[in-house]
C-alpha atoms as a PDB file:
ATOM      1  CA  MET A   1       8.370 -26.411  50.716  1.00  0.00           C
ATOM      2  CA  THR A   2       7.838 -24.497  47.527  1.00  0.00           C
ATOM      3  CA  SER A   3       8.513 -20.790  47.989  1.00  0.00           C
ATOM      4  CA  TRP A   4       5.843 -18.168  47.321  1.00  0.00           C
ATOM      5  CA  LYS A   5       8.067 -16.474  44.731  1.00  0.00           C
ATOM      6  CA  PHE A   6       8.574 -19.761  42.897  1.00  0.00           C
ATOM      7  CA  ARG A   7       4.831 -20.447  42.790  1.00  0.00           C
ATOM      8  CA  VAL A   8       4.134 -16.918  41.511  1.00  0.00           C
ATOM      9  CA  GLY A   9       6.864 -17.301  38.884  1.00  0.00           C
ATOM     10  CA  VAL A  10       5.400 -20.591  37.683  1.00  0.00           C
ATOM     11  CA  ALA A  11       1.907 -19.072  37.563  1.00  0.00           C
ATOM     12  CA  MET A  12       3.113 -16.060  35.573  1.00  0.00           C
ATOM     13  CA  ALA A  13       4.989 -18.267  33.114  1.00  0.00           C
ATOM     14  CA  ALA A  14       1.905 -20.450  32.686  1.00  0.00           C
ATOM     15  CA  ALA A  15      -0.253 -17.377  32.080  1.00  0.00           C
ATOM     16  CA  MET A  16       2.166 -16.039  29.481  1.00  0.00           C
ATOM     17  CA  LEU A  17       2.265 -19.395  27.766  1.00  0.00           C
ATOM     18  CA  ALA A  18      -1.517 -19.602  27.730  1.00  0.00           C
ATOM     19  CA  SER A  19      -1.890 -16.107  26.299  1.00  0.00           C
ATOM     20  CA  SER A  20       0.548 -16.857  23.489  1.00  0.00           C
ATOM     21  CA  ALA A  21      -0.623 -20.412  22.826  1.00  0.00           C
ATOM     22  CA  TYR A  22      -3.579 -19.254  20.766  1.00  0.00           C
ATOM     23  CA  ALA A  23      -1.401 -17.180  18.424  1.00  0.00           C
ATOM     24  CA  ALA A  24       1.205 -19.948  18.224  1.00  0.00           C
ATOM     25  CA  ASP A  25      -1.516 -22.378  17.152  1.00  0.00           C
ATOM     26  CA  MET A  26      -2.616 -20.108  14.299  1.00  0.00           C
ATOM     27  CA  THR A  27      -1.477 -20.815  10.742  1.00  0.00           C
ATOM     28  CA  VAL A  28      -2.126 -18.022   8.255  1.00  0.00           C
ATOM     29  CA  GLY A  29      -1.706 -18.038   4.489  1.00  0.00           C
ATOM     30  CA  PHE A  30      -0.563 -14.761   2.898  1.00  0.00           C
ATOM     31  CA  SER A  31      -1.075 -14.206  -0.832  1.00  0.00           C
ATOM     32  CA  GLN A  32       1.068 -11.194  -1.713  1.00  0.00           C
ATOM     33  CA  ILE A  33       0.789  -9.392  -5.051  1.00  0.00           C
ATOM     34  CA  GLY A  34       4.527  -9.485  -5.704  1.00  0.00           C
ATOM     35  CA  SER A  35       7.443  -7.116  -5.190  1.00  0.00           C
ATOM     36  CA  GLU A  36       6.725  -4.435  -7.756  1.00  0.00           C
ATOM     37  CA  SER A  37       7.683  -1.567  -5.448  1.00  0.00           C
ATOM     38  CA  GLY A  38       9.666  -0.623  -2.372  1.00  0.00           C
ATOM     39  CA  TRP A  39       6.429  -0.230  -0.453  1.00  0.00           C
ATOM     40  CA  ARG A  40       5.312  -3.742  -1.387  1.00  0.00           C
ATOM     41  CA  ALA A  41       8.627  -5.193  -0.198  1.00  0.00           C
ATOM     42  CA  ALA A  42       8.214  -3.331   3.099  1.00  0.00           C
ATOM     43  CA  GLU A  43       4.664  -4.648   3.544  1.00  0.00           C
ATOM     44  CA  THR A  44       5.963  -8.194   3.071  1.00  0.00           C
ATOM     45  CA  SER A  45       8.806  -7.618   5.532  1.00  0.00           C
ATOM     46  CA  VAL A  46       6.521  -6.096   8.177  1.00  0.00           C
ATOM     47  CA  THR A  47       3.948  -8.900   7.763  1.00  0.00           C
ATOM     48  CA  LYS A  48       6.580 -11.596   8.258  1.00  0.00           C
ATOM     49  CA  SER A  49       7.970  -9.721  11.266  1.00  0.00           C
ATOM     50  CA  GLU A  50       4.515  -9.327  12.845  1.00  0.00           C
ATOM     51  CA  ALA A  51       3.805 -13.032  12.323  1.00  0.00           C
ATOM     52  CA  LYS A  52       7.093 -14.056  13.918  1.00  0.00           C
ATOM     53  CA  LYS A  53       6.544 -11.704  16.866  1.00  0.00           C
ATOM     54  CA  ARG A  54       3.110 -13.207  17.520  1.00  0.00           C
ATOM     55  CA  GLY A  55       4.100 -16.833  17.001  1.00  0.00           C
ATOM     56  CA  VAL A  56       1.946 -17.144  13.878  1.00  0.00           C
ATOM     57  CA  ASP A  57       2.965 -19.769  11.320  1.00  0.00           C
ATOM     58  CA  LEU A  58       2.858 -17.695   8.108  1.00  0.00           C
ATOM     59  CA  LYS A  59       2.662 -19.449   4.752  1.00  0.00           C
ATOM     60  CA  PHE A  60       3.794 -16.950   2.105  1.00  0.00           C
ATOM     61  CA  ALA A  61       2.993 -16.971  -1.622  1.00  0.00           C
ATOM     62  CA  ASP A  62       4.313 -14.383  -4.123  1.00  0.00           C
ATOM     63  CA  ALA A  63       1.829 -13.982  -7.012  1.00  0.00           C
ATOM     64  CA  GLN A  64       4.227 -12.060  -9.275  1.00  0.00           C
ATOM     65  CA  GLN A  65       1.414  -9.599 -10.019  1.00  0.00           C
ATOM     66  CA  LYS A  66      -0.894 -12.233 -11.519  1.00  0.00           C
ATOM     67  CA  GLN A  67      -4.398 -12.823 -10.195  1.00  0.00           C
ATOM     68  CA  GLU A  68      -4.414 -16.435 -11.360  1.00  0.00           C
ATOM     69  CA  ASN A  69      -1.415 -17.082  -9.100  1.00  0.00           C
ATOM     70  CA  GLN A  70      -3.245 -15.551  -6.157  1.00  0.00           C
ATOM     71  CA  ILE A  71      -6.351 -17.650  -6.732  1.00  0.00           C
ATOM     72  CA  LYS A  72      -4.183 -20.771  -6.969  1.00  0.00           C
ATOM     73  CA  ALA A  73      -2.406 -19.845  -3.725  1.00  0.00           C
ATOM     74  CA  ILE A  74      -5.694 -19.243  -1.893  1.00  0.00           C
ATOM     75  CA  ARG A  75      -6.988 -22.641  -2.991  1.00  0.00           C
ATOM     76  CA  THR A  76      -3.757 -24.223  -1.782  1.00  0.00           C
ATOM     77  CA  PHE A  77      -4.187 -22.512   1.601  1.00  0.00           C
ATOM     78  CA  ILE A  78      -7.774 -23.823   1.788  1.00  0.00           C
ATOM     79  CA  ALA A  79      -6.585 -27.357   1.004  1.00  0.00           C
ATOM     80  CA  GLN A  80      -3.945 -27.039   3.724  1.00  0.00           C
ATOM     81  CA  GLY A  81      -6.630 -26.083   6.240  1.00  0.00           C
ATOM     82  CA  VAL A  82      -5.056 -22.818   7.398  1.00  0.00           C
ATOM     83  CA  ASP A  83      -6.787 -20.850  10.158  1.00  0.00           C
ATOM     84  CA  ALA A  84      -7.021 -17.646   8.126  1.00  0.00           C
ATOM     85  CA  ILE A  85      -5.939 -16.091   4.848  1.00  0.00           C
ATOM     86  CA  LEU A  86      -4.470 -12.657   4.161  1.00  0.00           C
ATOM     87  CA  VAL A  87      -4.630 -11.428   0.585  1.00  0.00           C
ATOM     88  CA  ALA A  88      -3.396  -8.227  -1.032  1.00  0.00           C
ATOM     89  CA  PRO A  89      -5.535  -8.407  -4.202  1.00  0.00           C
ATOM     90  CA  VAL A  90      -3.800  -7.492  -7.457  1.00  0.00           C
ATOM     91  CA  VAL A  91      -7.075  -6.342  -9.065  1.00  0.00           C
ATOM     92  CA  ALA A  92     -10.538  -5.516  -7.732  1.00  0.00           C
ATOM     93  CA  THR A  93     -12.692  -8.027  -9.607  1.00  0.00           C
ATOM     94  CA  GLY A  94     -12.862 -11.795 -10.081  1.00  0.00           C
ATOM     95  CA  TRP A  95     -12.703 -12.971  -6.454  1.00  0.00           C
ATOM     96  CA  ASP A  96     -16.203 -14.235  -5.731  1.00  0.00           C
ATOM     97  CA  ALA A  97     -15.693 -17.920  -6.549  1.00  0.00           C
ATOM     98  CA  VAL A  98     -12.503 -18.506  -4.566  1.00  0.00           C
ATOM     99  CA  LEU A  99     -13.701 -16.463  -1.579  1.00  0.00           C
ATOM    100  CA  LYS A 100     -16.905 -18.530  -1.504  1.00  0.00           C
ATOM    101  CA  GLU A 101     -14.684 -21.621  -1.303  1.00  0.00           C
ATOM    102  CA  ALA A 102     -12.854 -20.117   1.683  1.00  0.00           C
ATOM    103  CA  LYS A 103     -16.153 -19.212   3.352  1.00  0.00           C
ATOM    104  CA  GLU A 104     -17.508 -22.740   2.863  1.00  0.00           C
ATOM    105  CA  ALA A 105     -14.315 -24.047   4.491  1.00  0.00           C
ATOM    106  CA  GLU A 106     -14.938 -21.603   7.385  1.00  0.00           C
ATOM    107  CA  ILE A 107     -11.602 -19.866   6.807  1.00  0.00           C
ATOM    108  CA  PRO A 108     -11.787 -16.092   7.408  1.00  0.00           C
ATOM    109  CA  VAL A 109     -10.164 -13.893   4.765  1.00  0.00           C
ATOM    110  CA  VAL A 110      -8.662 -10.466   5.468  1.00  0.00           C
ATOM    111  CA  LEU A 111      -7.891  -8.048   2.640  1.00  0.00           C
ATOM    112  CA  LEU A 112      -4.679  -6.050   2.976  1.00  0.00           C
ATOM    113  CA  ASP A 113      -4.156  -2.554   1.527  1.00  0.00           C
ATOM    114  CA  ARG A 114      -6.640  -3.025  -1.333  1.00  0.00           C
ATOM    115  CA  GLN A 115     -10.399  -3.420  -1.618  1.00  0.00           C
ATOM    116  CA  ILE A 116     -12.311  -5.669  -4.027  1.00  0.00           C
ATOM    117  CA  ASP A 117     -15.622  -5.620  -5.875  1.00  0.00           C
ATOM    118  CA  ALA A 118     -17.336  -8.501  -4.095  1.00  0.00           C
ATOM    119  CA  PRO A 119     -19.988  -8.959  -1.383  1.00  0.00           C
ATOM    120  CA  ASP A 120     -18.438  -8.041   1.968  1.00  0.00           C
ATOM    121  CA  SER A 121     -19.920 -11.236   3.411  1.00  0.00           C
ATOM    122  CA  LEU A 122     -17.107 -13.102   1.625  1.00  0.00           C
ATOM    123  CA  TYR A 123     -14.340 -11.584   3.755  1.00  0.00           C
ATOM    124  CA  LEU A 124     -13.896 -10.813   7.437  1.00  0.00           C
ATOM    125  CA  THR A 125     -12.481  -7.298   7.092  1.00  0.00           C
ATOM    126  CA  ALA A 126     -10.272  -5.098   4.905  1.00  0.00           C
ATOM    127  CA  VAL A 127      -7.273  -3.249   6.349  1.00  0.00           C
ATOM    128  CA  THR A 128      -6.587  -0.353   4.012  1.00  0.00           C
ATOM    129  CA  SER A 129      -6.025   3.341   3.792  1.00  0.00           C
ATOM    130  CA  ASP A 130      -8.669   5.611   2.311  1.00  0.00           C
ATOM    131  CA  GLN A 131      -7.234   5.616  -1.201  1.00  0.00           C
ATOM    132  CA  VAL A 132      -9.651   8.259  -2.478  1.00  0.00           C
ATOM    133  CA  HIS A 133      -8.513  10.470   0.391  1.00  0.00           C
ATOM    134  CA  GLU A 134      -4.858   9.831  -0.529  1.00  0.00           C
ATOM    135  CA  GLY A 135      -5.469  11.068  -4.059  1.00  0.00           C
ATOM    136  CA  LYS A 136      -7.395  14.085  -2.788  1.00  0.00           C
ATOM    137  CA  VAL A 137      -4.587  15.026  -0.374  1.00  0.00           C
ATOM    138  CA  ALA A 138      -2.126  14.929  -3.287  1.00  0.00           C
ATOM    139  CA  GLY A 139      -4.459  17.000  -5.472  1.00  0.00           C
ATOM    140  CA  ASP A 140      -5.205  19.531  -2.725  1.00  0.00           C
ATOM    141  CA  TRP A 141      -1.467  20.054  -2.243  1.00  0.00           C
ATOM    142  CA  LEU A 142      -0.957  20.708  -5.966  1.00  0.00           C
ATOM    143  CA  VAL A 143      -3.923  23.084  -6.260  1.00  0.00           C
ATOM    144  CA  LYS A 144      -2.679  25.081  -3.275  1.00  0.00           C
ATOM    145  CA  THR A 145       0.919  25.094  -4.533  1.00  0.00           C
ATOM    146  CA  VAL A 146       0.230  26.367  -8.055  1.00  0.00           C
ATOM    147  CA  GLY A 147      -2.413  28.878  -6.993  1.00  0.00           C
ATOM    148  CA  SER A 148      -3.901  30.668 -10.002  1.00  0.00           C
ATOM    149  CA  LYS A 149      -1.132  29.543 -12.363  1.00  0.00           C
ATOM    150  CA  ALA A 150      -2.146  27.409 -15.369  1.00  0.00           C
ATOM    151  CA  CYS A 151      -0.848  23.886 -14.730  1.00  0.00           C
ATOM    152  CA  ASN A 152      -0.885  20.949 -17.130  1.00  0.00           C
ATOM    153  CA  VAL A 153      -0.601  17.697 -15.159  1.00  0.00           C
ATOM    154  CA  VAL A 154       0.562  14.303 -16.427  1.00  0.00           C
ATOM    155  CA  GLU A 155      -0.596  11.278 -14.460  1.00  0.00           C
ATOM    156  CA  LEU A 156       1.112   7.930 -13.967  1.00  0.00           C
ATOM    157  CA  GLN A 157      -1.637   5.508 -12.998  1.00  0.00           C
ATOM    158  CA  GLY A 158      -1.180   2.283 -11.064  1.00  0.00           C
ATOM    159  CA  THR A 159      -1.996  -1.193 -12.355  1.00  0.00           C
ATOM    160  CA  THR A 160      -5.117  -1.060 -14.519  1.00  0.00           C
ATOM    161  CA  GLY A 161      -8.145  -2.371 -12.639  1.00  0.00           C
ATOM    162  CA  SER A 162      -6.516  -2.219  -9.193  1.00  0.00           C
ATOM    163  CA  SER A 163      -8.352  -0.383  -6.418  1.00  0.00           C
ATOM    164  CA  PRO A 164      -5.449   2.042  -5.716  1.00  0.00           C
ATOM    165  CA  ALA A 165      -5.331   3.086  -9.373  1.00  0.00           C
ATOM    166  CA  ILE A 166      -9.093   3.621  -9.485  1.00  0.00           C
ATOM    167  CA  ASN A 167      -9.389   5.405  -6.145  1.00  0.00           C
ATOM    168  CA  ARG A 168      -6.221   7.500  -6.206  1.00  0.00           C
ATOM    169  CA  LYS A 169      -7.279   8.859  -9.588  1.00  0.00           C
ATOM    170  CA  LYS A 170     -10.783   9.562  -8.308  1.00  0.00           C
ATOM    171  CA  GLY A 171      -9.554  11.467  -5.252  1.00  0.00           C
ATOM    172  CA  PHE A 172      -7.066  13.536  -7.252  1.00  0.00           C
ATOM    173  CA  GLU A 173      -9.758  14.506  -9.747  1.00  0.00           C
ATOM    174  CA  GLN A 174     -12.050  15.495  -6.877  1.00  0.00           C
ATOM    175  CA  ALA A 175      -9.384  17.912  -5.646  1.00  0.00           C
ATOM    176  CA  LEU A 176      -9.008  19.453  -9.113  1.00  0.00           C
ATOM    177  CA  ALA A 177     -12.760  19.924  -9.594  1.00  0.00           C
ATOM    178  CA  GLY A 178     -13.586  23.639  -9.760  1.00  0.00           C
ATOM    179  CA  HIS A 179      -9.966  24.586 -10.462  1.00  0.00           C
ATOM    180  CA  ASP A 180      -9.983  24.982 -14.223  1.00  0.00           C
ATOM    181  CA  ASN A 181      -6.386  26.208 -14.281  1.00  0.00           C
ATOM    182  CA  VAL A 182      -5.150  22.775 -13.150  1.00  0.00           C
ATOM    183  CA  LYS A 183      -5.963  19.915 -15.513  1.00  0.00           C
ATOM    184  CA  ILE A 184      -4.766  16.422 -16.341  1.00  0.00           C
ATOM    185  CA  VAL A 185      -3.617  16.447 -19.965  1.00  0.00           C
ATOM    186  CA  LYS A 186      -2.083  12.970 -20.211  1.00  0.00           C
ATOM    187  CA  SER A 187      -2.757   9.821 -18.174  1.00  0.00           C
ATOM    188  CA  GLN A 188      -1.360   6.323 -18.612  1.00  0.00           C
ATOM    189  CA  THR A 189      -0.571   3.297 -16.461  1.00  0.00           C
ATOM    190  CA  GLY A 190       2.975   2.836 -15.231  1.00  0.00           C
ATOM    191  CA  ASP A 191       1.976  -0.432 -13.536  1.00  0.00           C
ATOM    192  CA  PHE A 192       3.388   0.764 -10.176  1.00  0.00           C
ATOM    193  CA  THR A 193       6.994   0.095 -11.330  1.00  0.00           C
ATOM    194  CA  ARG A 194      10.001   2.392 -11.711  1.00  0.00           C
ATOM    195  CA  THR A 195      10.905   0.999 -15.102  1.00  0.00           C
ATOM    196  CA  LYS A 196       7.455   1.570 -16.574  1.00  0.00           C
ATOM    197  CA  GLY A 197       7.151   4.926 -14.813  1.00  0.00           C
ATOM    198  CA  LYS A 198      10.351   6.111 -16.523  1.00  0.00           C
ATOM    199  CA  GLU A 199       9.254   4.713 -19.880  1.00  0.00           C
ATOM    200  CA  VAL A 200       5.831   6.373 -19.809  1.00  0.00           C
ATOM    201  CA  MET A 201       7.256   9.674 -18.552  1.00  0.00           C
ATOM    202  CA  GLU A 202       9.686   9.682 -21.472  1.00  0.00           C
ATOM    203  CA  SER A 203       6.727   9.443 -23.860  1.00  0.00           C
ATOM    204  CA  PHE A 204       4.882  12.213 -21.986  1.00  0.00           C
ATOM    205  CA  ILE A 205       7.913  14.479 -22.324  1.00  0.00           C
ATOM    206  CA  LYS A 206       8.410  13.768 -26.033  1.00  0.00           C
ATOM    207  CA  SER A 207       4.794  14.610 -26.786  1.00  0.00           C
ATOM    208  CA  SER A 208       4.793  17.774 -24.635  1.00  0.00           C
ATOM    209  CA  ASN A 209       7.346  20.060 -26.281  1.00  0.00           C
ATOM    210  CA  GLY A 210      10.247  18.275 -24.614  1.00  0.00           C
ATOM    211  CA  GLY A 211       8.463  18.498 -21.270  1.00  0.00           C
ATOM    212  CA  LYS A 212       8.166  22.286 -21.357  1.00  0.00           C
ATOM    213  CA  ASP A 213       4.363  22.059 -21.532  1.00  0.00           C
ATOM    214  CA  ILE A 214       4.194  19.964 -18.351  1.00  0.00           C
ATOM    215  CA  CYS A 215       3.715  21.772 -15.040  1.00  0.00           C
ATOM    216  CA  ALA A 216       3.390  18.776 -12.710  1.00  0.00           C
ATOM    217  CA  LEU A 217       3.546  15.001 -12.455  1.00  0.00           C
ATOM    218  CA  TYR A 218       1.103  13.049 -10.297  1.00  0.00           C
ATOM    219  CA  ALA A 219       2.142   9.433  -9.756  1.00  0.00           C
ATOM    220  CA  HIS A 220      -0.044   6.845  -8.033  1.00  0.00           C
ATOM    221  CA  ASN A 221       3.050   5.565  -6.215  1.00  0.00           C
ATOM    222  CA  ASP A 222       6.553   6.742  -5.376  1.00  0.00           C
ATOM    223  CA  ASP A 223       8.337   4.097  -7.401  1.00  0.00           C
ATOM    224  CA  MET A 224       6.814   5.350 -10.642  1.00  0.00           C
ATOM    225  CA  ALA A 225       7.690   8.886  -9.549  1.00  0.00           C
ATOM    226  CA  VAL A 226      11.331   7.911  -8.971  1.00  0.00           C
ATOM    227  CA  GLY A 227      11.482   6.412 -12.474  1.00  0.00           C
ATOM    228  CA  ALA A 228       9.842   9.526 -13.912  1.00  0.00           C
ATOM    229  CA  ILE A 229      12.307  11.782 -12.110  1.00  0.00           C
ATOM    230  CA  GLN A 230      15.131  10.042 -13.957  1.00  0.00           C
ATOM    231  CA  ALA A 231      13.340  10.619 -17.280  1.00  0.00           C
ATOM    232  CA  ILE A 232      12.871  14.308 -16.452  1.00  0.00           C
ATOM    233  CA  LYS A 233      16.578  14.707 -15.676  1.00  0.00           C
ATOM    234  CA  GLU A 234      17.618  12.900 -18.839  1.00  0.00           C
ATOM    235  CA  ALA A 235      15.434  15.342 -20.801  1.00  0.00           C
ATOM    236  CA  GLY A 236      17.510  18.210 -19.412  1.00  0.00           C
ATOM    237  CA  LEU A 237      14.840  19.462 -17.031  1.00  0.00           C
ATOM    238  CA  LYS A 238      14.865  19.891 -13.258  1.00  0.00           C
ATOM    239  CA  PRO A 239      12.370  17.628 -11.444  1.00  0.00           C
ATOM    240  CA  GLY A 240      10.814  19.392  -8.491  1.00  0.00           C
ATOM    241  CA  THR A 241      11.368  22.777 -10.143  1.00  0.00           C
ATOM    242  CA  ASP A 242      10.575  22.660 -13.860  1.00  0.00           C
ATOM    243  CA  ILE A 243       8.087  19.859 -13.237  1.00  0.00           C
ATOM    244  CA  LEU A 244       6.517  19.509  -9.788  1.00  0.00           C
ATOM    245  CA  VAL A 245       6.385  15.912  -8.506  1.00  0.00           C
ATOM    246  CA  VAL A 246       3.703  14.612  -6.132  1.00  0.00           C
ATOM    247  CA  SER A 247       3.110  10.926  -5.437  1.00  0.00           C
ATOM    248  CA  ILE A 248       1.820   8.428  -2.874  1.00  0.00           C
ATOM    249  CA  ASP A 249       3.355   5.805  -0.516  1.00  0.00           C
ATOM    250  CA  ALA A 250       6.189   7.652   1.301  1.00  0.00           C
ATOM    251  CA  VAL A 251       8.927   5.090   0.619  1.00  0.00           C
ATOM    252  CA  PRO A 252      12.521   5.962   1.591  1.00  0.00           C
ATOM    253  CA  ASP A 253      13.756   6.783  -1.920  1.00  0.00           C
ATOM    254  CA  ILE A 254      11.198   9.549  -2.416  1.00  0.00           C
ATOM    255  CA  PHE A 255      12.602  11.296   0.663  1.00  0.00           C
ATOM    256  CA  GLN A 256      16.079  11.146  -0.829  1.00  0.00           C
ATOM    257  CA  ALA A 257      14.621  12.777  -3.936  1.00  0.00           C
ATOM    258  CA  MET A 258      12.952  15.415  -1.757  1.00  0.00           C
ATOM    259  CA  ALA A 259      16.239  16.144  -0.006  1.00  0.00           C
ATOM    260  CA  LYS A 260      17.774  16.810  -3.440  1.00  0.00           C
ATOM    261  CA  GLY A 261      14.844  19.028  -4.411  1.00  0.00           C
ATOM    262  CA  GLU A 262      13.754  16.545  -7.084  1.00  0.00           C
ATOM    263  CA  ALA A 263      10.373  15.638  -5.539  1.00  0.00           C
ATOM    264  CA  ASN A 264       7.919  17.929  -3.784  1.00  0.00           C
ATOM    265  CA  ALA A 265       5.331  15.917  -1.865  1.00  0.00           C
ATOM    266  CA  THR A 266       4.197  12.401  -1.013  1.00  0.00           C
ATOM    267  CA  VAL A 267       1.229  10.952   0.863  1.00  0.00           C
ATOM    268  CA  GLU A 268       2.105   8.206   3.316  1.00  0.00           C
ATOM    269  CA  LEU A 269       0.724   4.683   3.062  1.00  0.00           C
ATOM    270  CA  THR A 270       1.838   2.650   6.086  1.00  0.00           C
ATOM    271  CA  PRO A 271       3.256  -0.803   5.257  1.00  0.00           C
ATOM    272  CA  ASN A 272       1.986  -2.192   8.563  1.00  0.00           C
ATOM    273  CA  MET A 273      -1.350  -3.614   7.476  1.00  0.00           C
ATOM    274  CA  ALA A 274      -0.591  -6.946   9.159  1.00  0.00           C
ATOM    275  CA  GLY A 275      -0.626  -5.638  12.739  1.00  0.00           C
ATOM    276  CA  PRO A 276      -4.306  -4.579  12.646  1.00  0.00           C
ATOM    277  CA  ALA A 277      -5.125  -7.695  10.571  1.00  0.00           C
ATOM    278  CA  PHE A 278      -3.622 -10.090  13.121  1.00  0.00           C
ATOM    279  CA  ASP A 279      -5.308  -8.177  15.960  1.00  0.00           C
ATOM    280  CA  ALA A 280      -8.680  -8.661  14.270  1.00  0.00           C
ATOM    281  CA  LEU A 281      -8.037 -12.343  13.554  1.00  0.00           C
ATOM    282  CA  GLU A 282      -6.886 -13.105  17.095  1.00  0.00           C
ATOM    283  CA  LYS A 283      -9.975 -11.450  18.573  1.00  0.00           C
ATOM    284  CA  TYR A 284     -12.243 -13.217  16.069  1.00  0.00           C
ATOM    285  CA  LYS A 285     -10.703 -16.625  16.744  1.00  0.00           C
ATOM    286  CA  LYS A 286     -10.886 -16.083  20.481  1.00  0.00           C
ATOM    287  CA  ASP A 287     -14.461 -14.845  20.933  1.00  0.00           C
ATOM    288  CA  LYS A 288     -15.970 -14.825  17.416  1.00  0.00           C
ATOM    289  CA  ALA A 289     -16.324 -11.048  17.550  1.00  0.00           C
ATOM    290  CA  ALA A 290     -16.487  -9.874  13.942  1.00  0.00           C
ATOM    291  CA  PRO A 291     -14.508  -6.667  13.366  1.00  0.00           C
ATOM    292  CA  ALA A 292     -15.713  -3.721  11.319  1.00  0.00           C
ATOM    293  CA  LYS A 293     -15.691  -4.455   7.597  1.00  0.00           C
ATOM    294  CA  TRP A 294     -13.114  -1.707   7.100  1.00  0.00           C
ATOM    295  CA  ILE A 295     -10.149  -0.986   9.356  1.00  0.00           C
ATOM    296  CA  GLN A 296      -8.729   2.316   8.107  1.00  0.00           C
ATOM    297  CA  THR A 297      -5.045   3.203   8.400  1.00  0.00           C
ATOM    298  CA  GLU A 298      -3.753   6.769   8.635  1.00  0.00           C
ATOM    299  CA  SER A 299      -2.577   8.859   5.659  1.00  0.00           C
ATOM    300  CA  LYS A 300      -0.159  11.790   6.053  1.00  0.00           C
ATOM    301  CA  LEU A 301       1.246  14.414   3.693  1.00  0.00           C
ATOM    302  CA  TYR A 302       5.028  14.966   3.614  1.00  0.00           C
ATOM    303  CA  THR A 303       6.753  17.830   1.811  1.00  0.00           C
ATOM    304  CA  GLN A 304      10.295  19.137   1.481  1.00  0.00           C
ATOM    305  CA  ALA A 305       9.728  21.065   4.728  1.00  0.00           C
ATOM    306  CA  ASP A 306       9.565  17.820   6.764  1.00  0.00           C
ATOM    307  CA  ASP A 307      13.315  17.071   7.102  1.00  0.00           C
ATOM    308  CA  PRO A 308      13.333  14.410   4.353  1.00  0.00           C
ATOM    309  CA  MET A 309      16.572  12.684   5.381  1.00  0.00           C
ATOM    310  CA  LYS A 310      15.356  12.211   8.946  1.00  0.00           C
ATOM    311  CA  VAL A 311      12.177  10.591   7.630  1.00  0.00           C
ATOM    312  CA  TYR A 312      14.296   8.536   5.227  1.00  0.00           C
ATOM    313  CA  GLU A 313      16.228   7.007   8.128  1.00  0.00           C
ATOM    314  CA  GLU A 314      13.010   6.265  10.022  1.00  0.00           C
ATOM    315  CA  LYS A 315      11.489   4.565   6.987  1.00  0.00           C
ATOM    316  CA  LYS A 316      14.565   2.429   6.360  1.00  0.00           C
ATOM    317  CA  GLY A 317      13.973   0.832   9.740  1.00  0.00           C
ATOM    318  CA  LEU A 318      10.610  -0.557   8.561  1.00  0.00           C
ATOM    319  CA  GLY A 319      12.067  -3.098   6.151  1.00  0.00           C
ATOM    320  CA  TYR A 320      12.187  -1.164   2.887  1.00  0.00           C
END
């Protein structure tokens, strides 16, 4: 006779298998921008980890920061008949045609960490932070920190045409509005990379009395800030003191810079966009319940007062 415990064990195992079978049957294509920053690498790592944890077959494509590569990858995913597509769009425009193809194939598309200029009927949802808010948090911190002091700000923008570059600039400028003593005097793209961030900062310094006319640097991501910090040091100035440094992302290396007094503040962008994305897809596949068109992630300000090395260790555990 089969024991009661055995029957319960079999039933529980069957229930667990049934609950995970749906996720295990799901194949998802992921078109990633590239690996231009530490944050981007962490997003990729977390996405792969989330997929593995859920039993999702993830097909990964690195676009090397080129939209044409992303469009090609999406069309490949459509041809393969994947169940869903995740895309972190390199720029905001030029997506209508390929997303219409995905819609016609009845493949839901989820945007990760960036928005696009296209009808929202072409994608299921977007999992992003409020990038305007991120820029405003950075600007509010600077305005409060400098008080009534005159402050010339240089800005390292993200990739031209990308939603973070557009929105993080917009939010920062909103914070500066009405504070005539704080103004952006130079602004140029650093393409979200350390190398370009250093290069552009060097030119800012050369054209600003050796950097002496610069009060603060605002970088649209931490990687550009880290590159700029090196340029500031090489110019014989003290980053974090002679030139205040505020940026966005909260990657581990910016906390090391904070611990050394070389950076002042950063606004966190979580790399875990995939968790909420997979949650939305699983629910949609199961009961066809369409999620909200925007799933917002949290943003948080960190400063030198927040035990930078402790945060550094916590961040390293996320796959940076």
